[in-house]
Amino acid sequence: MTLYLSRLSLNRAAPAAALMPLLNPDAAELATDAHHRLMWSVFSDGKEHARDFLWRHIGQGRFLALSRRPPHANDLFNAPETKAFSPVLRVGDRLHFTLRANATKDRATVSRLDKTARRGKSRRVDVVMDLMRTAHAGEKRSEIRERTAQAAAEAWMERQGAAKGFAPQFTLVEDYSVIELGRRRRQGATFGILDLQGEIEVVDPGVFLAALATGFGRAKAWGCGLMLIRRAK
């Protein structure tokens, strides 16, 4: 399977420069929404086309994208820098990775009448916020946020690896933030974003390569899920 890795940069020449506050706003929630729309402008073939690409904003109006087809050129971006992405991996290969992820897990709901009884349903929860629920009542959230994010990220990466063909060697949390989309609308979305780096060992190359193409975690339409890899030294 051949994928395409692309670097995209916003065109800062006129007339696109006049739109820069709308295309790349400073507020995180506004930027996430704007970038989501921008990515569709270079990958969409029509309203019915399903998303088959991952992307990540790397700052200053620059993006990386992994896709099943090359991006289309348009006036909002400079000419895309695109190359084929088809790494040859073997069992035991060590890879350094960076990943921006919306890391979640399913937690069973319980009855209001019987707090120990499962209702046969589950809801998706952010792994960091869920772990913070169990923190000691006397501790401030700011005091436990860093260590909680690290513990939650390590456990999440272990689960991802077990299902997707790799074994984490170490995982470091660079940042954890919360994005709120649609605050001015009746229905919005709030999700946590973990910026991770570390090292993994390939266990099943075929499964892992397939996972690279589809991404890790959720909120992929909003710039999460793209794992960037390079061979560890």
Protein backbone atom coordinates (compact mmCIF):
# COMPACT_ATOMS: atom_id res chain seq x y z
CA MET A 1 0.00 0.00 0.00
CA THR A 2 1.43 3.35 -1.06
CA LEU A 3 0.47 6.46 0.85
CA TYR A 4 1.45 10.05 0.29
CA LEU A 5 3.13 12.28 2.86
CA SER A 6 2.66 15.97 2.10
CA ARG A 7 3.82 19.27 3.52
CA LEU A 8 1.35 22.08 2.99
CA SER A 9 1.94 25.77 3.69
CA LEU A 10 -0.62 28.55 3.57
CA ASN A 11 -0.11 30.98 0.72
CA ARG A 12 0.74 34.31 2.34
CA ALA A 13 0.72 36.22 -0.93
CA ALA A 14 -2.25 38.37 -1.92
CA PRO A 15 -5.18 37.76 -2.10
CA ALA A 16 -4.94 34.85 0.36
CA ALA A 17 -2.98 37.01 2.83
CA ALA A 18 -6.09 39.10 3.49
CA LEU A 19 -7.86 35.94 4.72
CA MET A 20 -5.07 34.84 7.08
CA PRO A 21 -6.90 35.82 10.31
CA LEU A 22 -9.74 33.51 9.21
CA LEU A 23 -7.56 30.72 7.80
CA ASN A 24 -5.12 30.57 10.72
CA PRO A 25 -6.66 32.32 13.77
CA ASP A 26 -4.83 32.60 17.09
CA ALA A 27 -7.54 31.03 19.28
CA ALA A 28 -7.01 27.26 19.44
CA GLU A 29 -10.67 26.29 19.02
CA LEU A 30 -11.13 28.64 16.06
CA ALA A 31 -7.89 27.47 14.46
CA THR A 32 -8.85 23.79 14.78
CA ASP A 33 -12.16 24.41 13.02
CA ALA A 34 -10.56 26.55 10.31
CA HIS A 35 -7.77 24.03 9.69
CA HIS A 36 -10.32 21.21 9.45
CA ARG A 37 -12.02 23.08 6.60
CA LEU A 38 -8.71 23.92 4.93
CA MET A 39 -7.67 20.28 4.76
CA TRP A 40 -10.93 19.35 3.07
CA SER A 41 -10.22 22.00 0.44
CA VAL A 42 -7.20 20.05 -0.83
CA PHE A 43 -8.48 16.49 -0.39
CA SER A 44 -12.20 16.59 -1.11
CA ASP A 45 -13.48 15.43 -4.50
CA GLY A 46 -17.06 16.23 -3.53
CA LYS A 47 -19.50 16.24 -0.64
CA GLU A 48 -19.90 12.46 -0.71
CA HIS A 49 -16.20 11.60 -0.52
CA ALA A 50 -15.24 9.93 2.76
CA ARG A 51 -12.19 11.27 4.57
CA ASP A 52 -9.14 9.17 3.70
CA PHE A 53 -6.39 11.39 5.05
CA LEU A 54 -4.78 12.37 8.35
CA TRP A 55 -3.28 15.75 9.09
CA ARG A 56 -1.51 17.79 11.72
CA HIS A 57 -0.83 21.50 12.09
CA ILE A 58 2.87 22.02 12.82
CA GLY A 59 2.70 25.77 13.37
CA GLN A 60 2.78 29.03 11.41
CA GLY A 61 0.21 27.89 8.87
CA ARG A 62 2.12 24.72 7.96
CA PHE A 63 0.62 21.23 7.90
CA LEU A 64 1.66 17.62 7.41
CA ALA A 65 -0.79 15.17 5.84
CA LEU A 66 -0.78 11.44 5.20
CA SER A 67 -3.25 10.40 2.52
CA ARG A 68 -4.23 7.69 0.07
CA ARG A 69 -4.04 10.20 -2.83
CA PRO A 70 -2.03 13.36 -3.40
CA PRO A 71 -3.60 16.66 -2.32
CA HIS A 72 -5.08 19.02 -4.91
CA ALA A 73 -3.38 22.37 -5.44
CA ASN A 74 -5.43 25.48 -4.73
CA ASP A 75 -4.88 29.21 -4.20
CA LEU A 76 -5.00 28.98 -0.40
CA PHE A 77 -1.79 26.94 -0.24
CA ASN A 78 1.61 27.05 -1.84
CA ALA A 79 2.31 24.13 -4.16
CA PRO A 80 2.19 20.94 -2.05
CA GLU A 81 5.45 19.11 -1.32
CA THR A 82 4.43 15.47 -1.70
CA LYS A 83 6.35 12.19 -1.68
CA ALA A 84 5.35 8.53 -1.66
CA PHE A 85 5.27 6.95 1.79
CA SER A 86 5.77 3.18 1.78
CA PRO A 87 8.23 2.23 4.56
CA VAL A 88 9.60 -1.31 4.66
CA LEU A 89 9.35 -2.51 8.25
CA ARG A 90 10.35 -5.75 9.92
CA VAL A 91 9.60 -7.35 13.25
CA GLY A 92 11.88 -5.83 15.88
CA ASP A 93 12.47 -2.51 14.12
CA ARG A 94 12.75 0.38 16.57
CA LEU A 95 11.07 3.64 15.57
CA HIS A 96 10.98 7.08 17.12
CA PHE A 97 7.48 8.57 16.92
CA THR A 98 5.60 11.78 17.46
CA LEU A 99 1.83 11.73 17.78
CA ARG A 100 -0.94 14.22 18.50
CA ALA A 101 -3.81 12.13 19.83
CA ASN A 102 -7.30 12.43 21.22
CA ALA A 103 -6.88 9.47 23.57
CA THR A 104 -10.11 7.94 24.81
CA LYS A 105 -11.46 4.73 26.27
CA ASP A 106 -14.89 3.21 26.81
CA ARG A 107 -16.22 3.26 30.36
CA ALA A 108 -19.32 1.29 31.33
CA THR A 109 -22.25 3.33 32.57
CA VAL A 110 -24.06 2.37 35.76
CA SER A 111 -27.60 2.69 36.98
CA ARG A 112 -28.44 5.64 39.18
CA LEU A 113 -30.26 3.25 41.51
CA ASP A 114 -27.57 0.60 41.62
CA LYS A 115 -24.13 2.16 41.34
CA THR A 116 -22.44 -1.22 40.91
CA ALA A 117 -24.70 -2.59 38.17
CA ARG A 118 -23.68 -2.34 34.56
CA ARG A 119 -26.37 -1.10 32.18
CA GLY A 120 -24.89 -2.90 29.20
CA LYS A 121 -23.74 0.37 27.66
CA SER A 122 -20.57 2.40 27.72
CA ARG A 123 -19.55 5.94 27.00
CA ARG A 124 -16.33 7.26 25.61
CA VAL A 125 -14.17 9.26 28.01
CA ASP A 126 -10.90 11.14 27.75
CA VAL A 127 -8.18 9.03 29.38
CA VAL A 128 -6.54 11.92 31.21
CA MET A 129 -9.72 13.46 32.58
CA ASP A 130 -11.00 10.01 33.56
CA LEU A 131 -7.86 9.26 35.55
CA MET A 132 -7.99 12.67 37.22
CA ARG A 133 -11.40 11.69 38.63
CA THR A 134 -9.64 9.27 40.96
CA ALA A 135 -7.14 11.82 42.26
CA HIS A 136 -7.03 12.56 45.97
CA ALA A 137 -9.59 15.13 46.96
CA GLY A 138 -7.02 17.29 48.73
CA GLU A 139 -4.83 17.76 45.66
CA LYS A 140 -5.19 20.61 43.21
CA ARG A 141 -5.84 19.71 39.59
CA SER A 142 -2.81 21.71 38.50
CA GLU A 143 -0.60 19.62 40.79
CA ILE A 144 -1.68 16.27 39.41
CA ARG A 145 -2.32 17.15 35.76
CA GLU A 146 1.23 16.47 34.54
CA ARG A 147 1.74 13.10 36.22
CA THR A 148 -1.81 12.03 35.41
CA ALA A 149 -1.34 12.81 31.73
CA GLN A 150 1.89 10.78 31.69
CA ALA A 151 0.31 7.75 33.37
CA ALA A 152 -2.79 7.88 31.18
CA ALA A 153 -0.73 8.24 28.01
CA GLU A 154 1.48 5.26 28.84
CA ALA A 155 -1.51 3.03 29.52
CA TRP A 156 -3.26 4.20 26.35
CA MET A 157 -0.19 3.55 24.20
CA GLU A 158 0.08 0.04 25.64
CA ARG A 159 -3.52 -0.64 24.58
CA GLN A 160 -2.95 0.88 21.14
CA GLY A 161 0.17 -1.20 20.62
CA ALA A 162 -1.52 -4.46 21.61
CA ALA A 163 -4.18 -3.89 18.96
CA LYS A 164 -2.07 -2.25 16.27
CA GLY A 165 1.14 -4.18 15.91
CA PHE A 166 3.70 -2.39 18.06
CA ALA A 167 5.14 -2.39 21.57
CA PRO A 168 5.88 0.96 23.25
CA GLN A 169 9.40 1.24 24.61
CA PHE A 170 8.83 4.62 26.22
CA THR A 171 6.29 7.42 25.90
CA LEU A 172 6.74 11.05 26.89
CA VAL A 173 3.97 13.62 27.15
CA GLU A 174 5.03 16.94 25.67
CA ASP A 175 1.71 18.67 26.27
CA TYR A 176 -1.92 18.09 27.21
CA SER A 177 -4.60 20.59 26.27
CA VAL A 178 -8.36 20.75 25.95
CA ILE A 179 -10.09 22.13 22.85
CA GLU A 180 -13.66 23.38 22.86
CA LEU A 181 -15.36 23.52 19.47
CA GLY A 182 -18.68 25.19 18.78
CA ARG A 183 -19.00 27.06 22.07
CA ARG A 184 -21.30 29.56 20.41
CA ARG A 185 -23.52 26.86 18.97
CA ARG A 186 -26.07 24.68 20.76
CA GLN A 187 -24.07 21.57 20.01
CA GLY A 188 -20.31 21.58 20.29
CA ALA A 189 -17.45 19.25 21.15
CA THR A 190 -14.81 19.25 23.86
CA PHE A 191 -11.84 16.93 23.67
CA GLY A 192 -8.38 16.52 25.14
CA ILE A 193 -5.24 16.48 23.01
CA LEU A 194 -2.04 14.69 24.00
CA ASP A 195 1.19 15.59 22.22
CA LEU A 196 3.41 12.53 22.56
CA GLN A 197 6.83 11.36 21.52
CA GLY A 198 8.76 8.23 22.27
CA GLU A 199 9.99 4.95 20.86
CA ILE A 200 8.15 1.84 19.72
CA GLU A 201 9.15 -1.62 18.51
CA VAL A 202 7.37 -3.14 15.53
CA VAL A 203 5.64 -6.41 16.42
CA ASP A 204 3.46 -6.96 13.34
CA PRO A 205 4.54 -4.82 10.35
CA GLY A 206 1.38 -5.38 8.32
CA VAL A 207 -0.97 -4.47 11.15
CA PHE A 208 1.13 -1.47 12.13
CA LEU A 209 1.33 -0.06 8.60
CA ALA A 210 -2.43 -0.39 8.23
CA ALA A 211 -2.84 1.48 11.51
CA LEU A 212 -0.54 4.25 10.33
CA ALA A 213 -2.86 4.81 7.36
CA THR A 214 -6.01 5.04 9.48
CA GLY A 215 -4.54 6.83 12.50
CA PHE A 216 -4.59 6.45 16.27
CA GLY A 217 -7.26 7.61 18.67
CA ARG A 218 -10.21 9.80 17.77
CA ALA A 219 -10.85 13.37 16.51
CA LYS A 220 -8.91 12.59 13.34
CA ALA A 221 -10.93 15.11 11.37
CA TRP A 222 -9.63 17.76 13.77
CA GLY A 223 -5.92 17.18 13.33
CA CYS A 224 -5.33 14.20 15.64
CA GLY A 225 -4.18 10.65 14.94
CA LEU A 226 -1.24 11.15 12.57
CA MET A 227 1.82 9.26 13.86
CA LEU A 228 5.11 10.41 12.35
CA ILE A 229 7.93 7.86 12.49
CA ARG A 230 11.64 7.65 11.84
CA ARG A 231 14.10 4.89 12.57
CA ALA A 232 15.60 5.06 16.03
CA LYS A 233 19.36 5.49 16.21
